PDB file of N, CA and C in Angstrom:
ATOM      1  N   UNK A   1     153.531  74.470 108.798  1.00  0.00           N
ATOM      2  CA  UNK A   1     153.810  73.053 108.660  1.00  0.00           C
ATOM      3  C   UNK A   1     153.319  72.553 107.311  1.00  0.00           C
ATOM      4  N   UNK A   2     154.057  71.590 106.788  1.00  0.00           N
ATOM      5  CA  UNK A   2     153.659  70.895 105.573  1.00  0.00           C
ATOM      6  C   UNK A   2     153.186  69.517 106.001  1.00  0.00           C
ATOM      7  N   UNK A   3     152.018  69.108 105.537  1.00  0.00           N
ATOM      8  CA  UNK A   3     151.496  67.791 105.871  1.00  0.00           C
ATOM      9  C   UNK A   3     151.536  66.919 104.627  1.00  0.00           C
ATOM     10  N   UNK A   4     152.150  65.765 104.754  1.00  0.00           N
ATOM     11  CA  UNK A   4     152.255  64.821 103.646  1.00  0.00           C
ATOM     12  C   UNK A   4     151.402  63.612 103.998  1.00  0.00           C
ATOM     13  N   UNK A   5     150.433  63.321 103.151  1.00  0.00           N
ATOM     14  CA  UNK A   5     149.542  62.188 103.418  1.00  0.00           C
ATOM     15  C   UNK A   5     149.767  61.025 102.456  1.00  0.00           C
ATOM     16  N   UNK A   6     150.467  61.292 101.342  1.00  0.00           N
ATOM     17  CA  UNK A   6     150.763  60.255 100.358  1.00  0.00           C
ATOM     18  C   UNK A   6     152.229  60.342  99.960  1.00  0.00           C
ATOM     19  N   UNK A   7     152.808  59.220  99.676  1.00  0.00           N
ATOM     20  CA  UNK A   7     154.168  59.183  99.166  1.00  0.00           C
ATOM     21  C   UNK A   7     154.176  58.300  97.931  1.00  0.00           C
ATOM     22  N   UNK A   8     154.447  58.882  96.790  1.00  0.00           N
ATOM     23  CA  UNK A   8     154.507  58.157  95.522  1.00  0.00           C
ATOM     24  C   UNK A   8     153.204  57.405  95.263  1.00  0.00           C
ATOM     25  N   UNK A   9     152.078  58.087  95.534  1.00  0.00           N
ATOM     26  CA  UNK A   9     150.770  57.521  95.237  1.00  0.00           C
ATOM     27  C   UNK A   9     150.226  56.593  96.296  1.00  0.00           C
ATOM     28  N   UNK A  10     151.011  56.312  97.309  1.00  0.00           N
ATOM     29  CA  UNK A  10     150.562  55.405  98.366  1.00  0.00           C
ATOM     30  C   UNK A  10     150.216  56.203  99.618  1.00  0.00           C
ATOM     31  N   UNK A  11     149.044  55.942 100.223  1.00  0.00           N
ATOM     32  CA  UNK A  11     148.716  56.664 101.447  1.00  0.00           C
ATOM     33  C   UNK A  11     149.643  56.244 102.592  1.00  0.00           C
ATOM     34  N   UNK A  12     149.964  57.187 103.439  1.00  0.00           N
ATOM     35  CA  UNK A  12     150.784  56.900 104.614  1.00  0.00           C
ATOM     36  C   UNK A  12     149.876  56.460 105.760  1.00  0.00           C
ATOM     37  N   UNK A  13     150.383  55.607 106.637  1.00  0.00           N
ATOM     38  CA  UNK A  13     149.596  55.197 107.798  1.00  0.00           C
ATOM     39  C   UNK A  13     149.248  56.395 108.662  1.00  0.00           C
ATOM     40  N   UNK A  14     150.213  57.272 108.857  1.00  0.00           N
ATOM     41  CA  UNK A  14     149.999  58.506 109.601  1.00  0.00           C
ATOM     42  C   UNK A  14     150.622  59.640 108.802  1.00  0.00           C
ATOM     43  N   UNK A  15     149.934  60.778 108.693  1.00  0.00           N
ATOM     44  CA  UNK A  15     150.497  61.887 107.926  1.00  0.00           C
ATOM     45  C   UNK A  15     151.787  62.406 108.562  1.00  0.00           C
ATOM     46  N   UNK A  16     152.700  62.847 107.708  1.00  0.00           N
ATOM     47  CA  UNK A  16     153.922  63.485 108.176  1.00  0.00           C
ATOM     48  C   UNK A  16     153.681  64.986 108.253  1.00  0.00           C
ATOM     49  N   UNK A  17     154.051  65.595 109.353  1.00  0.00           N
ATOM     50  CA  UNK A  17     153.922  67.040 109.516  1.00  0.00           C
ATOM     51  C   UNK A  17     155.326  67.617 109.571  1.00  0.00           C
ATOM     52  N   UNK A  18     155.720  68.290 108.509  1.00  0.00           N
ATOM     53  CA  UNK A  18     157.073  68.820 108.414  1.00  0.00           C
ATOM     54  C   UNK A  18     157.050  70.341 108.412  1.00  0.00           C
ATOM     55  N   UNK A  19     158.005  70.965 109.071  1.00  0.00           N
ATOM     56  CA  UNK A  19     158.048  72.424 109.085  1.00  0.00           C
ATOM     57  C   UNK A  19     158.367  72.994 107.701  1.00  0.00           C
ATOM     58  N   UNK A  20     157.851  74.157 107.440  1.00  0.00           N
ATOM     59  CA  UNK A  20     158.151  74.875 106.204  1.00  0.00           C
ATOM     60  C   UNK A  20     159.579  75.412 106.315  1.00  0.00           C
ATOM     61  N   UNK A  21     160.367  75.323 105.220  1.00  0.00           N
ATOM     62  CA  UNK A  21     161.746  75.818 105.276  1.00  0.00           C
ATOM     63  C   UNK A  21     161.830  77.278 105.721  1.00  0.00           C
ATOM     64  N   UNK A  22     162.892  77.559 106.462  1.00  0.00           N
ATOM     65  CA  UNK A  22     163.235  78.899 106.941  1.00  0.00           C
ATOM     66  C   UNK A  22     162.138  79.531 107.794  1.00  0.00           C
ATOM     67  N   UNK A  23     161.590  78.742 108.711  1.00  0.00           N
ATOM     68  CA  UNK A  23     160.637  79.247 109.695  1.00  0.00           C
ATOM     69  C   UNK A  23     161.191  78.929 111.084  1.00  0.00           C
ATOM     70  N   UNK A  24     160.522  79.424 112.092  1.00  0.00           N
ATOM     71  CA  UNK A  24     160.971  79.163 113.463  1.00  0.00           C
ATOM     72  C   UNK A  24     160.963  77.657 113.747  1.00  0.00           C
ATOM     73  N   UNK A  25     159.938  76.947 113.270  1.00  0.00           N
ATOM     74  CA  UNK A  25     159.854  75.503 113.499  1.00  0.00           C
ATOM     75  C   UNK A  25     161.018  74.779 112.821  1.00  0.00           C
ATOM     76  N   UNK A  26     161.375  75.226 111.617  1.00  0.00           N
ATOM     77  CA  UNK A  26     162.507  74.644 110.882  1.00  0.00           C
ATOM     78  C   UNK A  26     163.790  74.865 111.669  1.00  0.00           C
ATOM     79  N   UNK A  27     164.022  76.098 112.116  1.00  0.00           N
ATOM     80  CA  UNK A  27     165.240  76.409 112.874  1.00  0.00           C
ATOM     81  C   UNK A  27     165.279  75.653 114.200  1.00  0.00           C
ATOM     82  N   UNK A  28     164.118  75.491 114.825  1.00  0.00           N
ATOM     83  CA  UNK A  28     164.057  74.746 116.090  1.00  0.00           C
ATOM     84  C   UNK A  28     164.435  73.275 115.856  1.00  0.00           C
ATOM     85  N   UNK A  29     163.911  72.687 114.792  1.00  0.00           N
ATOM     86  CA  UNK A  29     164.248  71.293 114.478  1.00  0.00           C
ATOM     87  C   UNK A  29     165.736  71.153 114.184  1.00  0.00           C
ATOM     88  N   UNK A  30     166.290  72.089 113.413  1.00  0.00           N
ATOM     89  CA  UNK A  30     167.727  72.036 113.117  1.00  0.00           C
ATOM     90  C   UNK A  30     168.561  72.222 114.377  1.00  0.00           C
ATOM     91  N   UNK A  31     168.093  73.052 115.304  1.00  0.00           N
ATOM     92  CA  UNK A  31     168.824  73.261 116.562  1.00  0.00           C
ATOM     93  C   UNK A  31     168.867  71.968 117.381  1.00  0.00           C
ATOM     94  N   UNK A  32     167.865  71.096 117.188  1.00  0.00           N
ATOM     95  CA  UNK A  32     167.834  69.801 117.876  1.00  0.00           C
ATOM     96  C   UNK A  32     168.652  68.752 117.138  1.00  0.00           C
ATOM     97  N   UNK A  33     169.275  69.152 116.017  1.00  0.00           N
ATOM     98  CA  UNK A  33     170.134  68.229 115.283  1.00  0.00           C
ATOM     99  C   UNK A  33     169.440  67.476 114.165  1.00  0.00           C
ATOM    100  N   UNK A  34     168.236  67.871 113.792  1.00  0.00           N
ATOM    101  CA  UNK A  34     167.508  67.205 112.716  1.00  0.00           C
ATOM    102  C   UNK A  34     167.854  67.881 111.399  1.00  0.00           C
ATOM    103  N   UNK A  35     168.332  67.113 110.441  1.00  0.00           N
ATOM    104  CA  UNK A  35     168.670  67.649 109.125  1.00  0.00           C
ATOM    105  C   UNK A  35     167.426  67.555 108.248  1.00  0.00           C
ATOM    106  N   UNK A  36     166.613  68.594 108.281  1.00  0.00           N
ATOM    107  CA  UNK A  36     165.365  68.587 107.531  1.00  0.00           C
ATOM    108  C   UNK A  36     165.586  68.596 106.029  1.00  0.00           C
ATOM    109  N   UNK A  37     166.641  69.219 105.568  1.00  0.00           N
ATOM    110  CA  UNK A  37     166.918  69.216 104.134  1.00  0.00           C
ATOM    111  C   UNK A  37     167.138  67.784 103.652  1.00  0.00           C
ATOM    112  N   UNK A  38     167.861  66.998 104.425  1.00  0.00           N
ATOM    113  CA  UNK A  38     168.098  65.604 104.060  1.00  0.00           C
ATOM    114  C   UNK A  38     166.789  64.815 104.126  1.00  0.00           C
ATOM    115  N   UNK A  39     165.961  65.104 105.123  1.00  0.00           N
ATOM    116  CA  UNK A  39     164.669  64.433 105.248  1.00  0.00           C
ATOM    117  C   UNK A  39     163.788  64.738 104.041  1.00  0.00           C
ATOM    118  N   UNK A  40     163.696  66.001 103.672  1.00  0.00           N
ATOM    119  CA  UNK A  40     162.897  66.384 102.511  1.00  0.00           C
ATOM    120  C   UNK A  40     163.426  65.712 101.250  1.00  0.00           C
ATOM    121  N   UNK A  41     164.749  65.673 101.102  1.00  0.00           N
ATOM    122  CA  UNK A  41     165.352  65.038  99.933  1.00  0.00           C
ATOM    123  C   UNK A  41     164.990  63.556  99.879  1.00  0.00           C
ATOM    124  N   UNK A  42     165.020  62.892 101.023  1.00  0.00           N
ATOM    125  CA  UNK A  42     164.690  61.475 101.078  1.00  0.00           C
ATOM    126  C   UNK A  42     163.221  61.223 100.740  1.00  0.00           C
ATOM    127  N   UNK A  43     162.344  62.088 101.207  1.00  0.00           N
ATOM    128  CA  UNK A  43     160.918  61.916 100.935  1.00  0.00           C
ATOM    129  C   UNK A  43     160.626  62.036  99.442  1.00  0.00           C
ATOM    130  N   UNK A  44     161.400  62.832  98.757  1.00  0.00           N
ATOM    131  CA  UNK A  44     161.185  63.036  97.319  1.00  0.00           C
ATOM    132  C   UNK A  44     161.613  61.818  96.493  1.00  0.00           C
ATOM    133  N   UNK A  45     162.412  60.931  97.067  1.00  0.00           N
ATOM    134  CA  UNK A  45     162.906  59.769  96.334  1.00  0.00           C
ATOM    135  C   UNK A  45     161.901  58.627  96.384  1.00  0.00           C
ATOM    136  N   UNK A  46     161.931  57.817  95.334  1.00  0.00           N
ATOM    137  CA  UNK A  46     161.092  56.623  95.333  1.00  0.00           C
ATOM    138  C   UNK A  46     161.736  55.578  96.243  1.00  0.00           C
ATOM    139  N   UNK A  47     160.979  54.588  96.678  1.00  0.00           N
ATOM    140  CA  UNK A  47     161.587  53.521  97.481  1.00  0.00           C
ATOM    141  C   UNK A  47     162.756  52.852  96.758  1.00  0.00           C
ATOM    142  N   UNK A  48     162.633  52.648  95.438  1.00  0.00           N
ATOM    143  CA  UNK A  48     163.740  52.046  94.685  1.00  0.00           C
ATOM    144  C   UNK A  48     164.993  52.915  94.736  1.00  0.00           C
ATOM    145  N   UNK A  49     164.817  54.231  94.620  1.00  0.00           N
ATOM    146  CA  UNK A  49     165.974  55.136  94.690  1.00  0.00           C
ATOM    147  C   UNK A  49     166.618  55.068  96.063  1.00  0.00           C
ATOM    148  N   UNK A  50     165.811  55.008  97.120  1.00  0.00           N
ATOM    149  CA  UNK A  50     166.365  54.922  98.480  1.00  0.00           C
ATOM    150  C   UNK A  50     167.108  53.608  98.686  1.00  0.00           C
ATOM    151  N   UNK A  51     166.565  52.512  98.141  1.00  0.00           N
ATOM    152  CA  UNK A  51     167.225  51.211  98.274  1.00  0.00           C
ATOM    153  C   UNK A  51     168.557  51.210  97.531  1.00  0.00           C
ATOM    154  N   UNK A  52     168.575  51.765  96.316  1.00  0.00           N
ATOM    155  CA  UNK A  52     169.833  51.838  95.554  1.00  0.00           C
ATOM    156  C   UNK A  52     170.877  52.674  96.299  1.00  0.00           C
ATOM    157  N   UNK A  53     170.446  53.792  96.883  1.00  0.00           N
ATOM    158  CA  UNK A  53     171.373  54.648  97.626  1.00  0.00           C
ATOM    159  C   UNK A  53     171.907  53.904  98.853  1.00  0.00           C
ATOM    160  N   UNK A  54     171.042  53.196  99.539  1.00  0.00           N
ATOM    161  CA  UNK A  54     171.465  52.427 100.710  1.00  0.00           C
ATOM    162  C   UNK A  54     172.445  51.328 100.300  1.00  0.00           C
ATOM    163  N   UNK A  55     172.139  50.633  99.198  1.00  0.00           N
ATOM    164  CA  UNK A  55     173.025  49.564  98.727  1.00  0.00           C
ATOM    165  C   UNK A  55     174.406  50.107  98.380  1.00  0.00           C
ATOM    166  N   UNK A  56     174.452  51.291  97.758  1.00  0.00           N
ATOM    167  CA  UNK A  56     175.740  51.907  97.418  1.00  0.00           C
ATOM    168  C   UNK A  56     176.517  52.265  98.685  1.00  0.00           C
ATOM    169  N   UNK A  57     175.832  52.798  99.685  1.00  0.00           N
ATOM    170  CA  UNK A  57     176.492  53.151 100.951  1.00  0.00           C
ATOM    171  C   UNK A  57     176.987  51.895 101.668  1.00  0.00           C
ATOM    172  N   UNK A  58     176.181  50.846 101.647  1.00  0.00           N
ATOM    173  CA  UNK A  58     176.583  49.589 102.274  1.00  0.00           C
ATOM    174  C   UNK A  58     177.800  48.997 101.566  1.00  0.00           C
ATOM    175  N   UNK A  59     177.814  49.058 100.237  1.00  0.00           N
ATOM    176  CA  UNK A  59     178.959  48.558  99.468  1.00  0.00           C
ATOM    177  C   UNK A  59     180.226  49.338  99.836  1.00  0.00           C
ATOM    178  N   UNK A  60     180.109  50.659  99.940  1.00  0.00           N
ATOM    179  CA  UNK A  60     181.261  51.481 100.311  1.00  0.00           C
ATOM    180  C   UNK A  60     181.758  51.115 101.710  1.00  0.00           C
ATOM    181  N   UNK A  61     180.852  50.981 102.662  1.00  0.00           N
ATOM    182  CA  UNK A  61     181.249  50.640 104.033  1.00  0.00           C
ATOM    183  C   UNK A  61     181.928  49.273 104.085  1.00  0.00           C
ATOM    184  N   UNK A  62     181.397  48.319 103.343  1.00  0.00           N
ATOM    185  CA  UNK A  62     181.985  46.973 103.306  1.00  0.00           C
ATOM    186  C   UNK A  62     183.367  47.005 102.668  1.00  0.00           C
ATOM    187  N   UNK A  63     183.505  47.768 101.592  1.00  0.00           N
ATOM    188  CA  UNK A  63     184.808  47.893 100.916  1.00  0.00           C
ATOM    189  C   UNK A  63     185.838  48.529 101.850  1.00  0.00           C
ATOM    190  N   UNK A  64     185.433  49.583 102.551  1.00  0.00           N
ATOM    191  CA  UNK A  64     186.359  50.241 103.484  1.00  0.00           C
ATOM    192  C   UNK A  64     186.744  49.301 104.626  1.00  0.00           C
ATOM    193  N   UNK A  65     185.782  48.556 105.130  1.00  0.00           N
ATOM    194  CA  UNK A  65     186.052  47.623 106.223  1.00  0.00           C
ATOM    195  C   UNK A  65     187.035  46.544 105.766  1.00  0.00           C
ATOM    196  N   UNK A  66     186.815  46.009 104.575  1.00  0.00           N
ATOM    197  CA  UNK A  66     187.706  44.978 104.032  1.00  0.00           C
ATOM    198  C   UNK A  66     189.121  45.520 103.861  1.00  0.00           C
ATOM    199  N   UNK A  67     189.237  46.734 103.334  1.00  0.00           N
ATOM    200  CA  UNK A  67     190.559  47.354 103.152  1.00  0.00           C
ATOM    201  C   UNK A  67     191.246  47.562 104.497  1.00  0.00           C
ATOM    202  N   UNK A  68     190.488  47.976 105.505  1.00  0.00           N
ATOM    203  CA  UNK A  68     191.042  48.192 106.844  1.00  0.00           C
ATOM    204  C   UNK A  68     191.588  46.875 107.407  1.00  0.00           C
ATOM    205  N   UNK A  69     190.787  45.823 107.306  1.00  0.00           N
ATOM    206  CA  UNK A  69     191.200  44.527 107.842  1.00  0.00           C
ATOM    207  C   UNK A  69     192.435  44.021 107.102  1.00  0.00           C
ATOM    208  N   UNK A  70     192.452  44.148 105.776  1.00  0.00           N
ATOM    209  CA  UNK A  70     193.619  43.706 104.997  1.00  0.00           C
ATOM    210  C   UNK A  70     194.859  44.494 105.358  1.00  0.00           C
ATOM    211  N   UNK A  71     194.727  45.785 105.543  1.00  0.00           N
ATOM    212  CA  UNK A  71     195.876  46.633 105.887  1.00  0.00           C
ATOM    213  C   UNK A  71     196.491  46.198 107.201  1.00  0.00           C
ATOM    214  N   UNK A  72     195.658  45.986 108.206  1.00  0.00           N
ATOM    215  CA  UNK A  72     196.209  45.622 109.521  1.00  0.00           C
ATOM    216  C   UNK A  72     196.606  44.157 109.595  1.00  0.00           C
ATOM    217  N   UNK A  73     196.005  43.295 108.772  1.00  0.00           N
ATOM    218  CA  UNK A  73     196.426  41.905 108.747  1.00  0.00           C
ATOM    219  C   UNK A  73     197.827  41.789 108.144  1.00  0.00           C
ATOM    220  N   UNK A  74     198.113  42.613 107.130  1.00  0.00           N
ATOM    221  CA  UNK A  74     199.429  42.591 106.491  1.00  0.00           C
ATOM    222  C   UNK A  74     200.507  43.148 107.411  1.00  0.00           C
ATOM    223  N   UNK A  75     200.137  44.140 108.223  1.00  0.00           N
ATOM    224  CA  UNK A  75     201.146  44.752 109.088  1.00  0.00           C
ATOM    225  C   UNK A  75     201.265  44.022 110.424  1.00  0.00           C
ATOM    226  N   UNK A  76     200.391  43.046 110.663  1.00  0.00           N
ATOM    227  CA  UNK A  76     200.445  42.302 111.914  1.00  0.00           C
ATOM    228  C   UNK A  76     199.827  43.032 113.088  1.00  0.00           C
ATOM    229  N   UNK A  77     199.107  44.102 112.825  1.00  0.00           N
ATOM    230  CA  UNK A  77     198.493  44.885 113.901  1.00  0.00           C
ATOM    231  C   UNK A  77     196.972  44.775 113.872  1.00  0.00           C
ATOM    232  N   UNK A  78     196.437  43.625 113.544  1.00  0.00           N
ATOM    233  CA  UNK A  78     194.979  43.471 113.437  1.00  0.00           C
ATOM    234  C   UNK A  78     194.310  43.898 114.733  1.00  0.00           C
ATOM    235  N   UNK A  79     193.215  44.623 114.569  1.00  0.00           N
ATOM    236  CA  UNK A  79     192.514  45.146 115.760  1.00  0.00           C
ATOM    237  C   UNK A  79     191.145  44.581 115.838  1.00  0.00           C
TER     238      UNK A  79
END
């Protein structure tokens, strides 16, 4: 296990205990549907980077939703 007690210089309220890559614990977590690679990638990002990524995803979702509504409003099949 990897224990993380600080993130970007700030202490965590409770330490994170993460499995070491390519171990039984890692494979067990992945078998339960946990994407540890994505979790590790997220932990490496600063809060600002995570916020920017979230804002970009939210913008994409909003744009897709708007396009969907416009498409069905024009065809008269609004759902």
